[in-house]
Amino acid sequence: MEIHYDVCGLPSGTPYRGRVRLTPVKKGSAKPKPLMISFKDQVDGMATRREQELNLASTKPGTYTLELSVADSKGRERTRMQRVLVKR
């Protein structure tokens, strides 16, 4: 799966770190284990478009919550969440 996102408002060359978490939407008391990846990058202008790959090979079909967090070195963080449907 390719995740496309924008990092805006930071000066060119500013490093940031990101995290993607894919969590199954389950009903019941069992807490599902999320698929997580972390990455580091830097912006190349005031509005930087990036993409991040997420390997779904071990992921079962179903509904998931996809969460993307991006933070800079000053502790400013933005998080976005979206429901996604994985099919085979």
Protein backbone atom coordinates (compact mmCIF):
# COMPACT_ATOMS: atom_id res chain seq x y z
CA MET A 1 0.00 0.00 0.00
CA GLU A 2 1.29 3.47 -0.85
CA ILE A 3 0.47 6.28 1.57
CA HIS A 4 0.80 9.80 0.18
CA TYR A 5 1.14 12.75 2.55
CA ASP A 6 2.28 16.38 2.66
CA VAL A 7 4.56 18.08 5.18
CA CYS A 8 3.98 21.84 5.13
CA GLY A 9 5.24 24.93 6.92
CA LEU A 10 8.77 23.80 7.77
CA PRO A 11 11.91 25.39 6.29
CA SER A 12 13.75 23.41 3.61
CA GLY A 13 16.12 20.83 5.10
CA THR A 14 14.17 20.43 8.36
CA PRO A 15 14.28 16.80 9.55
CA TYR A 16 11.14 15.04 10.71
CA ARG A 17 10.14 11.57 11.83
CA GLY A 18 7.03 9.66 10.95
CA ARG A 19 5.06 6.65 12.08
CA VAL A 20 2.41 4.60 10.31
CA ARG A 21 0.16 2.32 12.34
CA LEU A 22 -2.40 -0.05 10.81
CA THR A 23 -4.75 -1.48 13.45
CA PRO A 24 -7.50 -4.03 12.77
CA VAL A 25 -10.98 -2.87 13.74
CA LYS A 26 -12.14 -5.69 16.00
CA LYS A 27 -15.13 -6.12 18.18
CA GLY A 28 -14.78 -7.77 21.57
CA SER A 29 -12.24 -7.63 24.35
CA ALA A 30 -9.18 -8.94 22.47
CA LYS A 31 -6.76 -6.13 21.67
CA PRO A 32 -5.41 -6.60 18.12
CA LYS A 33 -1.71 -6.08 17.43
CA PRO A 34 -1.09 -3.21 14.98
CA LEU A 35 1.33 -3.22 12.05
CA MET A 36 3.76 -0.31 12.63
CA ILE A 37 6.60 1.29 10.73
CA SER A 38 8.72 4.32 11.63
CA PHE A 39 10.77 6.47 9.28
CA LYS A 40 12.88 9.63 9.13
CA ASP A 41 13.12 12.19 6.33
CA GLN A 42 13.58 15.90 5.73
CA VAL A 43 11.53 18.48 3.88
CA ASP A 44 12.78 20.06 0.67
CA GLY A 45 10.54 23.14 0.67
CA MET A 46 7.59 24.77 2.45
CA ALA A 47 5.24 22.11 1.02
CA THR A 48 6.78 18.67 0.57
CA ARG A 49 4.85 15.74 -0.88
CA ARG A 50 6.03 12.28 0.15
CA GLU A 51 4.93 8.68 -0.03
CA GLN A 52 5.52 5.76 2.30
CA GLU A 53 5.15 2.08 1.47
CA LEU A 54 3.37 -0.30 3.80
CA ASN A 55 3.81 -4.03 3.15
CA LEU A 56 0.46 -5.78 3.60
CA ALA A 57 1.68 -9.31 2.80
CA SER A 58 0.89 -10.64 6.29
CA THR A 59 -2.30 -8.60 6.69
CA LYS A 60 -5.66 -10.39 6.65
CA PRO A 61 -8.63 -8.94 4.74
CA GLY A 62 -10.82 -6.65 6.81
CA THR A 63 -11.36 -3.12 8.08
CA TYR A 64 -8.43 -1.25 9.64
CA THR A 65 -7.64 2.13 11.11
CA LEU A 66 -4.66 3.74 9.38
CA GLU A 67 -2.86 6.36 11.46
CA LEU A 68 -0.05 8.58 10.14
CA SER A 69 1.92 10.79 12.55
CA VAL A 70 4.62 13.28 11.54
CA ALA A 71 6.71 15.19 14.14
CA ASP A 72 9.57 17.66 13.95
CA SER A 73 12.49 18.07 16.39
CA LYS A 74 10.60 20.76 18.35
CA GLY A 75 7.92 18.29 19.37
CA ARG A 76 5.25 19.57 17.00
CA GLU A 77 3.23 16.61 15.78
CA ARG A 78 0.31 16.09 13.43
CA THR A 79 -1.70 12.89 13.27
CA ARG A 80 -4.33 11.83 10.76
CA MET A 81 -6.50 8.73 10.91
CA GLN A 82 -8.58 7.01 8.27
CA ARG A 83 -10.47 3.75 7.96
CA VAL A 84 -9.28 1.48 5.16
CA LEU A 85 -10.54 -1.81 3.76
CA VAL A 86 -7.95 -4.48 2.89
CA LYS A 87 -9.08 -6.95 0.22
CA ARG A 88 -7.38 -9.92 -1.36
